[in-house]
Amino acid sequence: MKAEERKGNKRIDKNEGNTLTLGVVGLGYVGLPVAIGFSKRYKVIGFDVDKQKIEQLKKHNDITREISKQQLAASAISFTSDQEDLSLCDYLIVAVPTPINEQKEPDLSYLIAASETVGQNLTDGATVVYESTVYPGATEEVCIPVLEKTSGLKAGEGFYVAYSPERINPGDRQHTFNQIEKIVAAQNQTIVEKVAALYQSVIDAPVFKADSIKVAETAKVLENTQRDINIALMNELAMICDKVGIDTSDVLDAAGTKWNFLPFTPGLVGGHCIGVDPYYLIYKAKTLGYTPAFLEAARKINDSMAGFVHRTIVEDIIRTRCDLKNLRITVMGITFKENVPDMRNSKALEIVKMLLDDGLSVNVYDPVADSRELENALGIRLTEKQFLEPADILLVLVPHEEFSNMTAGDISRLVKKDRALVFDLKNIWGNHQLPSSINRKTL
């Protein structure tokens, strides 16, 4: 029997014309690319509680810069902030943020709110697919009870639940939604097969069917926890090399000549994935009576890198800078990673805050960041490139493409001629021959 819904005085058949309708709840860095991907084959309703975002999307503007105007114009997605529109959907894909709180524990408030919204508009026979990153067990222990309570239906009978962890990499134009291998899991094998077929119909990569929802949830947090650990090793190496007085990149070049050496590099770990997801696994382990000391140590190291960079700058100032009144610092990049405007959990932002708290003069240039967001966070606005004056200290914190393409001449014009320090964290200018008066440092 076809699932039917009453909306106002109009009786609506969800499967009219035998075409599936999908709803995507949450239209950020994950949800919007997912909606675009499915819209190439199915009717898609894109829902977000942010009415301003919906209005922008209707005008074909994506504030994340992940989706172009042309893609949005061609997608024919029905963007809405009216939750009742979700009652038309055969599948509902939830892609909302899952951050951490001040205690570095999971904050599931967005996920619970989204589940309530979905549950209130859930129709008999619909399938809910969660893409948000969670700790093992959260989908079944937290989300399903909310769906059952708000819908009045029973999971596995009146509606079905699946989990397919997102693998969207903001700013990455190669590993896009339709090119990333997907993991799917569900309450039973029948739903696994249906959800796998649904995703396979719109992506060119394989679909992997996990044994259970908990397996899929754990696999997702493991992906980013593994990266966190490897970067932590490199960051600790960078701290050791700093004490020894050698360049970390020289050490990595030498070690990289071994055939099985893994090519990781030090860096600032922020954003929503690597800097957050390990805490979900740590939290779950602790609720079961196990303290994952190794994972906690990696998080501690990576969280400390902003302080390490700040101390390095302060030490240089104490050692070589006498005229603090006229000292000028320019920071290149304030977002959490290259080529994206997202400032969530940005370690570059932390470093600038530390320098401002020291009473130092700091100008920030970032070609993709939102100046209003920086002003809300730190009380300063971005400096436009043409207004940057030569600096005593140039901090390249985020390797935006624009920065990577700079010439030695471009760099020299950004700093003072005598005793300038260029702190190029990711060594993006390693091949440039800079004037001998410029002291170059990397992680």
Protein backbone atom coordinates (compact mmCIF):
# COMPACT_ATOMS: atom_id res chain seq x y z
CA MET A 1 0.00 0.00 0.00
CA LYS A 2 1.30 3.43 -0.85
CA ALA A 3 2.04 5.70 2.11
CA GLU A 4 -0.26 8.71 2.01
CA GLU A 5 -0.33 11.94 3.95
CA ARG A 6 -2.84 14.68 4.52
CA LYS A 7 -1.42 18.23 4.32
CA GLY A 8 -4.03 20.93 4.84
CA ASN A 9 -7.05 19.81 2.83
CA LYS A 10 -4.96 18.19 0.13
CA ARG A 11 -4.36 14.46 0.09
CA ILE A 12 -0.80 13.79 -1.06
CA ASP A 13 0.55 10.50 -2.36
CA LYS A 14 4.27 10.37 -1.57
CA ASN A 15 4.96 7.85 -4.30
CA GLU A 16 2.94 9.58 -6.99
CA GLY A 17 4.42 8.68 -10.34
CA ASN A 18 6.42 5.90 -8.67
CA THR A 19 9.22 8.38 -7.88
CA LEU A 20 10.96 8.37 -4.54
CA THR A 21 11.17 11.56 -2.53
CA LEU A 22 14.13 12.13 -0.25
CA GLY A 23 14.43 14.68 2.52
CA VAL A 24 17.79 15.95 3.73
CA VAL A 25 17.75 17.48 7.20
CA GLY A 26 20.63 19.90 7.75
CA LEU A 27 22.14 21.72 4.76
CA GLY A 28 25.71 22.42 5.82
CA TYR A 29 29.02 21.03 4.61
CA VAL A 30 27.59 17.50 4.58
CA GLY A 31 23.88 17.82 3.93
CA LEU A 32 24.00 20.13 0.94
CA PRO A 33 26.39 17.97 -1.17
CA VAL A 34 24.25 14.93 -0.24
CA ALA A 35 21.10 16.73 -1.38
CA ILE A 36 22.77 17.79 -4.62
CA GLY A 37 23.94 14.23 -5.26
CA PHE A 38 20.51 12.66 -4.81
CA SER A 39 18.71 15.43 -6.72
CA LYS A 40 20.28 14.22 -9.95
CA ARG A 41 17.94 11.24 -9.82
CA TYR A 42 15.24 11.82 -7.21
CA LYS A 43 12.91 14.47 -5.86
CA VAL A 44 14.74 16.09 -2.96
CA ILE A 45 13.43 18.29 -0.16
CA GLY A 46 16.25 20.18 1.54
CA PHE A 47 15.30 21.20 5.09
CA ASP A 48 17.13 23.48 7.52
CA VAL A 49 15.94 25.41 10.56
CA ASP A 50 18.06 28.39 9.47
CA LYS A 51 15.60 30.45 7.43
CA GLN A 52 18.29 32.83 6.19
CA LYS A 53 20.28 29.89 4.83
CA ILE A 54 17.18 28.59 3.05
CA GLU A 55 16.57 31.98 1.46
CA GLN A 56 20.18 32.10 0.26
CA LEU A 57 19.95 28.59 -1.17
CA LYS A 58 16.77 29.52 -3.02
CA LYS A 59 18.85 32.29 -4.60
CA HIS A 60 21.50 29.68 -5.46
CA ASN A 61 24.00 30.96 -2.88
CA ASP A 62 25.94 28.50 -0.72
CA ILE A 63 27.77 30.18 2.17
CA THR A 64 30.08 27.15 2.56
CA ARG A 65 31.31 27.65 -1.04
CA GLU A 66 31.14 23.90 -1.60
CA ILE A 67 28.36 24.07 -4.18
CA SER A 68 28.36 26.49 -7.11
CA LYS A 69 25.49 28.69 -8.26
CA GLN A 70 25.26 26.60 -11.42
CA GLN A 71 24.91 23.36 -9.45
CA LEU A 72 22.22 24.82 -7.22
CA ALA A 73 20.32 26.26 -10.16
CA ALA A 74 20.37 22.91 -11.95
CA SER A 75 19.44 20.81 -8.91
CA ALA A 76 15.72 21.63 -8.61
CA ILE A 77 15.89 20.87 -4.87
CA SER A 78 12.89 22.10 -2.92
CA PHE A 79 14.51 24.14 -0.12
CA THR A 80 12.35 24.70 2.94
CA SER A 81 12.30 25.52 6.64
CA ASP A 82 8.75 24.14 6.98
CA GLN A 83 9.13 20.81 8.74
CA GLU A 84 5.75 19.57 7.53
CA ASP A 85 7.24 19.23 4.05
CA LEU A 86 9.25 16.29 5.41
CA SER A 87 6.05 14.26 5.67
CA LEU A 88 6.27 13.81 1.88
CA CYS A 89 9.51 11.82 2.09
CA ASP A 90 10.13 8.12 1.63
CA TYR A 91 13.71 8.52 2.93
CA LEU A 92 14.93 11.11 5.41
CA ILE A 93 18.67 11.70 5.62
CA VAL A 94 19.87 13.45 8.79
CA ALA A 95 23.13 15.38 8.39
CA VAL A 96 23.35 17.80 11.31
CA PRO A 97 26.44 18.80 13.33
CA THR A 98 27.55 16.71 16.30
CA PRO A 99 30.03 18.93 18.17
CA ILE A 100 31.47 18.66 21.67
CA ASN A 101 30.69 20.75 24.73
CA GLU A 102 33.07 22.64 27.01
CA GLN A 103 33.86 19.40 28.84
CA LYS A 104 34.88 17.87 25.49
CA GLU A 105 31.98 15.43 25.63
CA PRO A 106 29.45 14.76 22.83
CA ASP A 107 26.82 17.44 22.28
CA LEU A 108 23.88 15.62 20.70
CA SER A 109 21.45 18.53 20.99
CA TYR A 110 21.34 19.13 17.20
CA LEU A 111 20.89 15.42 16.54
CA ILE A 112 18.09 15.08 19.10
CA ALA A 113 16.31 18.18 17.78
CA ALA A 114 16.57 16.88 14.21
CA SER A 115 15.25 13.47 15.31
CA GLU A 116 12.28 15.18 16.98
CA THR A 117 11.54 17.11 13.79
CA VAL A 118 11.81 13.98 11.67
CA GLY A 119 9.72 11.95 14.10
CA GLN A 120 6.93 14.52 14.14
CA ASN A 121 6.68 14.22 10.36
CA LEU A 122 7.48 10.53 9.91
CA THR A 123 5.06 8.49 7.84
CA ASP A 124 4.38 4.77 7.93
CA GLY A 125 7.03 2.85 5.98
CA ALA A 126 9.59 5.65 5.71
CA THR A 127 13.30 5.08 6.30
CA VAL A 128 15.52 7.43 8.33
CA VAL A 129 19.22 7.42 7.44
CA TYR A 130 21.66 9.11 9.82
CA GLU A 131 24.88 10.50 8.36
CA SER A 132 25.97 12.54 11.40
CA THR A 133 29.07 11.30 13.22
CA VAL A 134 28.24 9.75 16.60
CA TYR A 135 29.72 7.40 19.19
CA PRO A 136 29.00 3.66 18.90
CA GLY A 137 25.42 2.97 19.94
CA ALA A 138 24.07 6.52 19.70
CA THR A 139 21.77 5.86 16.75
CA GLU A 140 19.96 3.00 18.48
CA GLU A 141 20.22 4.28 22.06
CA VAL A 142 19.44 7.98 21.50
CA CYS A 143 17.93 8.60 18.06
CA ILE A 144 15.51 5.70 17.68
CA PRO A 145 13.75 6.30 21.03
CA VAL A 146 13.23 9.96 20.02
CA LEU A 147 11.82 8.92 16.66
CA GLU A 148 9.47 6.40 18.28
CA LYS A 149 8.26 8.85 20.93
CA THR A 150 7.54 11.71 18.54
CA SER A 151 6.08 9.60 15.71
CA GLY A 152 4.06 7.10 17.71
CA LEU A 153 5.47 4.41 15.40
CA LYS A 154 7.69 1.43 16.18
CA ALA A 155 11.17 1.20 14.66
CA GLY A 156 11.49 -1.90 12.47
CA GLU A 157 7.72 -2.03 11.95
CA GLY A 158 6.25 1.41 11.27
CA PHE A 159 9.50 2.94 10.08
CA TYR A 160 13.10 1.88 9.54
CA VAL A 161 16.49 3.25 10.53
CA ALA A 162 19.85 3.05 8.77
CA TYR A 163 23.26 4.61 9.27
CA SER A 164 25.64 5.78 6.55
CA PRO A 165 28.47 7.90 7.97
CA GLU A 166 29.41 10.98 6.00
CA ARG A 167 32.83 11.22 4.39
CA ILE A 168 32.61 14.72 2.97
CA ASN A 169 35.95 16.54 2.99
CA PRO A 170 35.31 20.33 2.80
CA GLY A 171 37.37 22.04 0.12
CA ASP A 172 38.24 18.75 -1.59
CA ARG A 173 37.19 18.81 -5.24
CA GLN A 174 38.37 15.25 -5.89
CA HIS A 175 36.74 13.22 -3.10
CA THR A 176 33.20 14.44 -3.66
CA PHE A 177 29.93 12.80 -2.59
CA ASN A 178 29.53 10.72 -5.74
CA GLN A 179 33.19 9.61 -5.67
CA ILE A 180 33.47 8.49 -2.03
CA GLU A 181 32.90 4.86 -1.08
CA LYS A 182 29.94 4.69 1.29
CA ILE A 183 29.36 2.53 4.35
CA VAL A 184 25.77 1.55 5.06
CA ALA A 185 24.21 -0.35 7.96
CA ALA A 186 20.65 -0.82 9.15
CA GLN A 187 18.32 -2.61 11.56
CA ASN A 188 17.89 -5.60 9.26
CA GLN A 189 19.30 -7.02 6.06
CA THR A 190 16.33 -5.99 3.94
CA ILE A 191 16.79 -2.31 4.80
CA VAL A 192 20.56 -2.59 4.36
CA GLU A 193 20.03 -3.79 0.80
CA LYS A 194 17.51 -1.04 0.05
CA VAL A 195 19.68 1.75 1.45
CA ALA A 196 22.78 0.36 -0.28
CA ALA A 197 20.91 0.32 -3.58
CA LEU A 198 19.68 3.86 -2.98
CA TYR A 199 23.20 5.22 -2.47
CA GLN A 200 24.65 3.10 -5.25
CA SER A 201 22.14 4.62 -7.66
CA VAL A 202 23.76 8.06 -7.27
CA ILE A 203 27.44 7.41 -6.56
CA ASP A 204 30.16 5.98 -8.78
CA ALA A 205 32.12 4.42 -5.91
CA PRO A 206 31.38 1.10 -4.17
CA VAL A 207 28.98 0.74 -1.24
CA PHE A 208 30.18 -1.31 1.75
CA LYS A 209 27.55 -3.07 3.88
CA ALA A 210 28.65 -3.10 7.52
CA ASP A 211 27.55 -5.87 9.87
CA SER A 212 25.70 -3.54 12.21
CA ILE A 213 24.93 0.11 12.90
CA LYS A 214 27.43 0.08 15.77
CA VAL A 215 30.16 -1.20 13.44
CA ALA A 216 29.46 1.62 10.98
CA GLU A 217 29.40 4.23 13.77
CA THR A 218 32.72 2.98 15.15
CA ALA A 219 34.33 2.84 11.71
CA LYS A 220 33.51 6.49 11.18
CA VAL A 221 35.07 7.76 14.40
CA LEU A 222 38.05 5.46 13.84
CA GLU A 223 38.79 7.05 10.44
CA ASN A 224 39.40 10.45 11.97
CA THR A 225 40.90 9.15 15.21
CA GLN A 226 43.60 7.38 13.20
CA ARG A 227 44.49 10.64 11.45
CA ASP A 228 44.49 12.46 14.77
CA ILE A 229 47.00 9.98 16.21
CA ASN A 230 49.32 10.15 13.20
CA ILE A 231 49.32 13.96 13.20
CA ALA A 232 49.94 13.94 16.96
CA LEU A 233 53.07 11.85 16.37
CA MET A 234 54.31 14.39 13.84
CA ASN A 235 53.47 17.30 16.13
CA GLU A 236 55.38 15.74 18.99
CA LEU A 237 58.28 15.15 16.62
CA ALA A 238 58.14 18.85 15.66
CA MET A 239 58.41 19.84 19.32
CA ILE A 240 61.39 17.53 19.79
CA CYS A 241 63.09 18.82 16.63
CA ASP A 242 62.59 22.36 17.90
CA LYS A 243 64.48 21.44 21.07
CA VAL A 244 67.22 19.67 19.10
CA GLY A 245 67.54 22.62 16.74
CA ILE A 246 66.81 20.85 13.46
CA ASP A 247 64.09 21.23 10.80
CA THR A 248 61.23 18.71 11.04
CA SER A 249 60.76 18.70 7.25
CA ASP A 250 64.41 17.68 6.80
CA VAL A 251 63.85 14.74 9.16
CA LEU A 252 60.69 13.69 7.32
CA ASP A 253 62.45 13.90 3.94
CA ALA A 254 65.18 11.60 5.21
CA ALA A 255 62.83 9.14 6.92
CA GLY A 256 60.56 9.12 3.87
CA THR A 257 63.20 7.33 1.82
CA LYS A 258 62.17 4.08 3.56
CA TRP A 259 59.59 2.22 1.48
CA ASN A 260 57.02 1.77 4.25
CA PHE A 261 57.30 5.14 6.01
CA LEU A 262 53.89 6.86 6.22
CA PRO A 263 53.90 10.44 4.85
CA PHE A 264 52.24 12.45 7.61
CA THR A 265 53.21 16.00 8.55
CA PRO A 266 52.74 18.21 11.62
CA GLY A 267 50.01 20.83 11.71
CA LEU A 268 47.14 22.52 13.50
CA VAL A 269 44.21 20.15 14.06
CA GLY A 270 40.88 21.96 14.25
CA GLY A 271 37.52 21.82 12.56
CA HIS A 272 34.73 19.36 13.15
CA CYS A 273 36.22 16.00 12.17
CA ILE A 274 39.74 15.23 13.39
CA GLY A 275 39.58 17.69 16.27
CA VAL A 276 36.18 16.45 17.51
CA ASP A 277 35.39 12.86 16.49
CA PRO A 278 38.03 11.18 18.71
CA TYR A 279 36.27 12.63 21.77
CA TYR A 280 33.17 10.62 20.80
CA LEU A 281 35.14 7.38 20.93
CA ILE A 282 36.88 8.46 24.15
CA TYR A 283 33.52 9.28 25.73
CA LYS A 284 31.97 5.94 24.81
CA ALA A 285 34.97 4.01 26.10
CA LYS A 286 34.82 5.80 29.44
CA THR A 287 31.09 5.08 29.85
CA LEU A 288 32.05 1.41 29.59
CA GLY A 289 34.75 1.70 32.24
CA TYR A 290 37.78 1.90 29.95
CA THR A 291 40.10 4.91 29.75
CA PRO A 292 41.71 5.15 26.27
CA ALA A 293 44.99 6.76 27.37
CA PHE A 294 46.55 6.60 23.90
CA LEU A 295 43.66 8.47 22.26
CA GLU A 296 43.61 11.06 25.04
CA ALA A 297 47.35 11.63 24.71
CA ALA A 298 47.02 12.28 20.96
CA ARG A 299 44.21 14.76 21.57
CA LYS A 300 46.24 16.52 24.27
CA ILE A 301 49.22 16.92 21.94
CA ASN A 302 47.19 18.26 19.03
CA ASP A 303 45.18 20.60 21.25
CA SER A 304 48.46 21.99 22.60
CA MET A 305 49.86 23.05 19.22
CA ALA A 306 48.28 26.50 19.29
CA GLY A 307 50.09 27.13 22.57
CA PHE A 308 53.35 25.81 21.10
CA VAL A 309 53.16 28.20 18.14
CA HIS A 310 52.28 31.09 20.45
CA ARG A 311 55.24 30.35 22.73
CA THR A 312 57.55 30.19 19.73
CA ILE A 313 56.47 33.66 18.60
CA VAL A 314 56.75 35.12 22.10
CA GLU A 315 60.25 33.65 22.48
CA ASP A 316 61.31 35.26 19.19
CA ILE A 317 59.90 38.60 20.35
CA ILE A 318 61.73 38.40 23.68
CA ARG A 319 64.97 37.37 22.01
CA THR A 320 65.09 39.76 19.05
CA ARG A 321 62.39 42.42 19.24
CA CYS A 322 62.97 45.51 21.35
CA ASP A 323 60.47 47.96 19.88
CA LEU A 324 57.18 46.35 20.97
CA LYS A 325 55.26 49.56 20.35
CA ASN A 326 55.84 49.37 16.60
CA LEU A 327 55.91 45.57 16.35
CA ARG A 328 53.63 44.36 13.57
CA ILE A 329 52.39 40.77 13.17
CA THR A 330 50.53 39.55 10.09
CA VAL A 331 48.60 36.29 10.25
CA MET A 332 47.84 34.52 6.97
CA GLY A 333 44.79 32.29 7.31
CA ILE A 334 42.25 32.07 10.14
CA THR A 335 39.98 29.16 9.10
CA PHE A 336 40.42 25.61 10.37
CA LYS A 337 41.78 24.31 7.05
CA GLU A 338 42.82 25.47 3.61
CA ASN A 339 40.37 26.80 1.03
CA VAL A 340 37.25 26.65 3.25
CA PRO A 341 35.59 29.53 5.15
CA ASP A 342 34.78 27.39 8.21
CA MET A 343 36.25 28.73 11.48
CA ARG A 344 34.82 26.06 13.79
CA ASN A 345 37.40 24.92 16.32
CA SER A 346 40.12 26.80 14.40
CA LYS A 347 43.53 26.63 16.07
CA ALA A 348 44.60 29.63 14.00
CA LEU A 349 41.84 31.56 15.73
CA GLU A 350 43.22 30.42 19.12
CA ILE A 351 46.71 31.63 18.22
CA VAL A 352 45.47 35.06 17.19
CA LYS A 353 43.48 35.34 20.43
CA MET A 354 46.61 34.55 22.46
CA LEU A 355 48.61 37.21 20.62
CA LEU A 356 45.86 39.79 21.08
CA ASP A 357 45.66 38.92 24.78
CA ASP A 358 49.39 39.70 24.94
CA GLY A 359 48.56 43.21 23.76
CA LEU A 360 50.29 42.73 20.40
CA SER A 361 49.27 44.34 17.12
CA VAL A 362 47.89 41.65 14.78
CA ASN A 363 46.50 41.94 11.25
CA VAL A 364 44.71 38.93 9.79
CA TYR A 365 44.38 38.25 6.09
CA ASP A 366 42.26 35.37 4.81
CA PRO A 367 40.83 35.29 1.26
CA VAL A 368 37.95 32.91 2.10
CA ALA A 369 36.95 33.74 5.70
CA ASP A 370 33.99 35.89 6.75
CA SER A 371 35.18 39.11 8.39
CA ARG A 372 31.98 39.39 10.45
CA GLU A 373 32.57 35.97 11.94
CA LEU A 374 36.10 36.98 12.98
CA GLU A 375 34.78 40.20 14.47
CA ASN A 376 32.20 38.28 16.49
CA ALA A 377 34.88 35.91 17.76
CA LEU A 378 37.78 38.28 18.51
CA GLY A 379 36.57 41.83 18.02
CA ILE A 380 38.81 42.48 14.99
CA ARG A 381 38.08 42.46 11.28
CA LEU A 382 40.04 40.93 8.45
CA THR A 383 42.58 43.19 6.75
CA GLU A 384 42.30 43.35 2.99
CA LYS A 385 45.41 42.29 1.11
CA GLN A 386 46.14 45.72 -0.35
CA PHE A 387 46.19 47.26 3.13
CA LEU A 388 48.73 44.84 4.63
CA GLU A 389 51.83 46.72 5.73
CA PRO A 390 55.24 45.00 5.93
CA ALA A 391 55.36 42.92 9.12
CA ASP A 392 58.07 42.00 11.61
CA ILE A 393 56.51 38.56 11.98
CA LEU A 394 54.54 36.78 9.25
CA LEU A 395 52.56 33.73 10.42
CA VAL A 396 51.29 31.44 7.67
CA LEU A 397 48.83 29.37 9.68
CA VAL A 398 46.56 28.04 6.92
CA PRO A 399 47.93 26.92 3.52
CA HIS A 400 45.24 28.45 1.33
CA GLU A 401 45.82 27.96 -2.40
CA GLU A 402 46.35 31.69 -2.86
CA PHE A 403 49.24 31.58 -0.38
CA SER A 404 50.79 28.49 -1.96
CA ASN A 405 50.89 30.28 -5.32
CA MET A 406 52.82 33.26 -3.97
CA THR A 407 56.30 33.96 -5.33
CA ALA A 408 59.39 34.85 -3.32
CA GLY A 409 58.83 38.45 -4.37
CA ASP A 410 55.24 38.38 -3.09
CA ILE A 411 56.45 37.07 0.26
CA SER A 412 59.25 39.62 0.56
CA ARG A 413 56.77 42.46 0.11
CA LEU A 414 54.76 41.23 3.11
CA VAL A 415 57.65 41.58 5.59
CA LYS A 416 60.09 44.25 6.72
CA LYS A 417 63.53 44.14 5.16
CA ASP A 418 65.49 43.64 8.38
CA ARG A 419 65.22 40.72 10.82
CA ALA A 420 61.77 39.58 9.73
CA LEU A 421 60.47 36.18 10.84
CA VAL A 422 58.39 34.06 8.47
CA PHE A 423 56.73 31.22 10.38
CA ASP A 424 55.47 28.97 7.57
CA LEU A 425 53.77 26.21 9.56
CA LYS A 426 53.14 23.77 6.69
CA ASN A 427 56.31 24.72 4.80
CA ILE A 428 54.37 25.72 1.68
CA TRP A 429 57.16 28.10 0.69
CA GLY A 430 60.00 25.62 1.22
CA ASN A 431 61.14 25.87 -2.39
CA HIS A 432 61.39 29.67 -2.38
CA GLN A 433 64.76 31.39 -1.99
CA LEU A 434 64.02 34.23 0.41
CA PRO A 435 66.42 37.08 1.29
CA SER A 436 68.99 36.18 3.96
CA SER A 437 67.54 38.89 6.21
CA ILE A 438 64.36 36.79 6.58
CA ASN A 439 64.44 34.11 9.25
CA ARG A 440 62.27 31.20 8.10
CA LYS A 441 60.72 28.70 10.52
CA THR A 442 58.35 25.77 10.09
CA LEU A 443 56.76 23.21 12.38
